[in-house]
C-alpha atoms as a PDB file:
ATOM      1  CA  MET A   1      -8.546  -5.835  38.778  1.00  0.00           C
ATOM      2  CA  LYS A   2      -9.793  -2.273  39.267  1.00  0.00           C
ATOM      3  CA  VAL A   3     -13.545  -2.036  39.807  1.00  0.00           C
ATOM      4  CA  LEU A   4     -16.066   0.777  40.172  1.00  0.00           C
ATOM      5  CA  LEU A   5     -19.329  -0.252  41.795  1.00  0.00           C
ATOM      6  CA  ASP A   6     -22.320   1.873  40.874  1.00  0.00           C
ATOM      7  CA  ALA A   7     -24.184   3.341  43.855  1.00  0.00           C
ATOM      8  CA  CYS A   8     -27.037   0.898  43.098  1.00  0.00           C
ATOM      9  CA  VAL A   9     -24.774  -2.024  44.046  1.00  0.00           C
ATOM     10  CA  TRP A  10     -24.958  -3.088  47.691  1.00  0.00           C
ATOM     11  CA  GLY A  11     -22.330  -1.143  49.634  1.00  0.00           C
ATOM     12  CA  ARG A  12     -21.090  -4.151  51.582  1.00  0.00           C
ATOM     13  CA  ALA A  13     -20.096  -5.822  48.316  1.00  0.00           C
ATOM     14  CA  LYS A  14     -17.184  -3.377  48.194  1.00  0.00           C
ATOM     15  CA  GLU A  15     -15.442  -4.986  51.158  1.00  0.00           C
ATOM     16  CA  GLU A  16     -15.933  -8.554  49.934  1.00  0.00           C
ATOM     17  CA  ILE A  17     -14.513  -7.715  46.519  1.00  0.00           C
ATOM     18  CA  ARG A  18     -11.627  -5.762  48.053  1.00  0.00           C
ATOM     19  CA  GLU A  19     -10.809  -8.658  50.409  1.00  0.00           C
ATOM     20  CA  ALA A  20     -10.505 -10.883  47.328  1.00  0.00           C
ATOM     21  CA  GLY A  21      -7.646  -8.657  46.144  1.00  0.00           C
ATOM     22  CA  HIS A  22      -9.324  -6.199  43.792  1.00  0.00           C
ATOM     23  CA  GLU A  23      -9.033  -2.419  43.918  1.00  0.00           C
ATOM     24  CA  VAL A  24     -12.606  -1.239  44.478  1.00  0.00           C
ATOM     25  CA  GLU A  25     -14.355   2.106  44.560  1.00  0.00           C
ATOM     26  CA  TRP A  26     -18.082   2.456  45.330  1.00  0.00           C
ATOM     27  CA  ALA A  27     -19.977   5.417  43.882  1.00  0.00           C
ATOM     28  CA  GLY A  28     -22.164   5.358  46.998  1.00  0.00           C
ATOM     29  CA  ASP A  29     -19.218   6.834  48.902  1.00  0.00           C
ATOM     30  CA  TRP A  30     -19.162   9.915  46.667  1.00  0.00           C
ATOM     31  CA  PRO A  31     -20.725  13.131  48.035  1.00  0.00           C
ATOM     32  CA  GLU A  32     -23.229  13.248  45.153  1.00  0.00           C
ATOM     33  CA  ASP A  33     -24.324  11.218  42.156  1.00  0.00           C
ATOM     34  CA  PRO A  34     -22.740  12.802  39.059  1.00  0.00           C
ATOM     35  CA  GLY A  35     -24.990  10.895  36.641  1.00  0.00           C
ATOM     36  CA  ASP A  36     -24.460   7.912  34.393  1.00  0.00           C
ATOM     37  CA  ASP A  37     -22.315   9.666  31.767  1.00  0.00           C
ATOM     38  CA  GLU A  38     -19.842  10.885  34.368  1.00  0.00           C
ATOM     39  CA  ILE A  39     -19.758   7.563  36.233  1.00  0.00           C
ATOM     40  CA  LEU A  40     -18.925   5.685  33.026  1.00  0.00           C
ATOM     41  CA  ALA A  41     -16.349   8.312  32.026  1.00  0.00           C
ATOM     42  CA  ARG A  42     -14.708   8.118  35.444  1.00  0.00           C
ATOM     43  CA  ALA A  43     -14.566   4.316  35.342  1.00  0.00           C
ATOM     44  CA  HIS A  44     -12.939   4.547  31.920  1.00  0.00           C
ATOM     45  CA  SER A  45     -10.419   7.234  32.889  1.00  0.00           C
ATOM     46  CA  GLU A  46      -9.375   5.188  35.946  1.00  0.00           C
ATOM     47  CA  GLY A  47      -9.231   1.893  34.031  1.00  0.00           C
ATOM     48  CA  ARG A  48     -12.026   0.316  36.077  1.00  0.00           C
ATOM     49  CA  VAL A  49     -14.625  -2.290  35.198  1.00  0.00           C
ATOM     50  CA  LEU A  50     -18.026  -0.814  36.003  1.00  0.00           C
ATOM     51  CA  VAL A  51     -20.463  -3.017  37.941  1.00  0.00           C
ATOM     52  CA  THR A  52     -24.125  -2.015  37.970  1.00  0.00           C
ATOM     53  CA  PRO A  53     -27.664  -3.375  37.896  1.00  0.00           C
ATOM     54  CA  ASP A  54     -28.607  -0.449  35.613  1.00  0.00           C
ATOM     55  CA  LYS A  55     -29.059  -1.219  31.895  1.00  0.00           C
ATOM     56  CA  ASP A  56     -28.481   2.440  30.976  1.00  0.00           C
ATOM     57  CA  PHE A  57     -24.690   1.999  31.057  1.00  0.00           C
ATOM     58  CA  GLY A  58     -24.784  -0.705  28.409  1.00  0.00           C
ATOM     59  CA  GLU A  59     -26.963   1.527  26.273  1.00  0.00           C
ATOM     60  CA  LEU A  60     -24.455   4.373  26.664  1.00  0.00           C
ATOM     61  CA  ALA A  61     -21.636   2.053  25.632  1.00  0.00           C
ATOM     62  CA  VAL A  62     -23.451   0.491  22.684  1.00  0.00           C
ATOM     63  CA  ALA A  63     -25.805   3.140  21.301  1.00  0.00           C
ATOM     64  CA  ARG A  64     -23.633   6.177  22.017  1.00  0.00           C
ATOM     65  CA  ARG A  65     -20.339   4.322  21.803  1.00  0.00           C
ATOM     66  CA  ALA A  66     -19.172   5.735  25.135  1.00  0.00           C
ATOM     67  CA  ALA A  67     -15.678   4.557  26.038  1.00  0.00           C
ATOM     68  CA  HIS A  68     -15.427   2.026  28.864  1.00  0.00           C
ATOM     69  CA  CYS A  69     -13.117  -0.605  30.350  1.00  0.00           C
ATOM     70  CA  GLY A  70     -15.728  -3.333  30.647  1.00  0.00           C
ATOM     71  CA  ILE A  71     -19.170  -3.428  32.227  1.00  0.00           C
ATOM     72  CA  VAL A  72     -20.793  -6.093  34.386  1.00  0.00           C
ATOM     73  CA  ARG A  73     -24.562  -5.765  34.648  1.00  0.00           C
ATOM     74  CA  LEU A  74     -26.197  -7.682  37.472  1.00  0.00           C
ATOM     75  CA  VAL A  75     -29.794  -8.693  36.758  1.00  0.00           C
ATOM     76  CA  GLY A  76     -31.991 -10.174  39.475  1.00  0.00           C
ATOM     77  CA  VAL A  77     -29.090 -10.701  41.876  1.00  0.00           C
ATOM     78  CA  PRO A  78     -30.024 -10.222  45.542  1.00  0.00           C
ATOM     79  CA  ALA A  79     -27.847  -7.731  47.424  1.00  0.00           C
ATOM     80  CA  THR A  80     -26.085 -10.341  49.542  1.00  0.00           C
ATOM     81  CA  LEU A  81     -25.113 -12.331  46.437  1.00  0.00           C
ATOM     82  CA  GLN A  82     -23.779  -9.407  44.410  1.00  0.00           C
ATOM     83  CA  ALA A  83     -20.174  -9.697  45.612  1.00  0.00           C
ATOM     84  CA  PRO A  84     -19.922 -13.453  44.886  1.00  0.00           C
ATOM     85  CA  ALA A  85     -21.447 -12.853  41.441  1.00  0.00           C
ATOM     86  CA  VAL A  86     -18.978 -10.066  40.669  1.00  0.00           C
ATOM     87  CA  LEU A  87     -16.043 -12.145  41.882  1.00  0.00           C
ATOM     88  CA  ALA A  88     -17.143 -15.035  39.658  1.00  0.00           C
ATOM     89  CA  MET A  89     -17.400 -12.711  36.648  1.00  0.00           C
ATOM     90  CA  LEU A  90     -13.960 -11.221  37.303  1.00  0.00           C
ATOM     91  CA  ARG A  91     -12.424 -14.671  37.754  1.00  0.00           C
ATOM     92  CA  GLU A  92     -14.130 -16.383  34.825  1.00  0.00           C
ATOM     93  CA  HIS A  93     -14.341 -13.509  32.347  1.00  0.00           C
ATOM     94  CA  GLY A  94     -11.577 -11.097  33.398  1.00  0.00           C
ATOM     95  CA  GLY A  95      -9.859 -11.447  30.030  1.00  0.00           C
ATOM     96  CA  VAL A  96     -12.837 -10.345  27.946  1.00  0.00           C
ATOM     97  CA  LEU A  97     -13.658  -7.609  30.475  1.00  0.00           C
ATOM     98  CA  ALA A  98     -10.124  -6.278  30.083  1.00  0.00           C
ATOM     99  CA  GLU A  99     -10.847  -6.087  26.349  1.00  0.00           C
ATOM    100  CA  GLY A 100     -13.955  -3.960  27.009  1.00  0.00           C
ATOM    101  CA  ALA A 101     -16.709  -6.572  26.970  1.00  0.00           C
ATOM    102  CA  ILE A 102     -20.144  -6.028  28.444  1.00  0.00           C
ATOM    103  CA  LEU A 103     -21.329  -8.933  30.596  1.00  0.00           C
ATOM    104  CA  THR A 104     -24.903  -9.397  31.688  1.00  0.00           C
ATOM    105  CA  PHE A 105     -25.108 -11.745  34.645  1.00  0.00           C
ATOM    106  CA  GLU A 106     -28.395 -13.344  35.662  1.00  0.00           C
ATOM    107  CA  PRO A 107     -28.566 -16.323  38.007  1.00  0.00           C
ATOM    108  CA  GLY A 108     -27.864 -19.311  35.760  1.00  0.00           C
ATOM    109  CA  ARG A 109     -26.919 -17.244  32.705  1.00  0.00           C
ATOM    110  CA  VAL A 110     -24.135 -14.968  31.456  1.00  0.00           C
ATOM    111  CA  ARG A 111     -24.315 -13.021  28.208  1.00  0.00           C
ATOM    112  CA  ILE A 112     -21.131 -11.546  26.788  1.00  0.00           C
ATOM    113  CA  ARG A 113     -21.089  -8.751  24.264  1.00  0.00           C
ATOM    114  CA  ARG A 114     -17.805  -8.032  22.542  1.00  0.00           C
ATOM    115  CA  SER A 115     -17.291  -5.971  19.415  1.00  0.00           C
ATOM    116  CA  GLY A 116     -21.034  -5.734  18.775  1.00  0.00           C
ATOM    117  CA  ARG A 117     -21.676  -9.477  19.086  1.00  0.00           C
ATOM    118  CA  GLU A 118     -23.517 -11.398  21.800  1.00  0.00           C
ATOM    119  CA  ALA A 119     -22.233 -14.782  22.934  1.00  0.00           C
END
């Protein structure tokens, strides 16, 4: 799966996710932060699932109906556990992510929003 990690995601997570076979880009490698709108637009144009701890991306997708290819929001996940959490979400929920779902992952809980519904 193609993934774009927001700059707020731990940079070392990129390598762990890549080693698991995913195509990964980390916004922290970019020369400057283009802002949330551009990050989400770039993820969409490249067909990437966006991974972020930032709730603003979900608000862009829901309230402003910004196009996206799936969003995984990590809540309360320590840096060293971000890659395993992302890999679990891609493995367990890759199908709904490919359909443009928004997943909110908290230790012990996953919320899935598809087509305006929460599950």
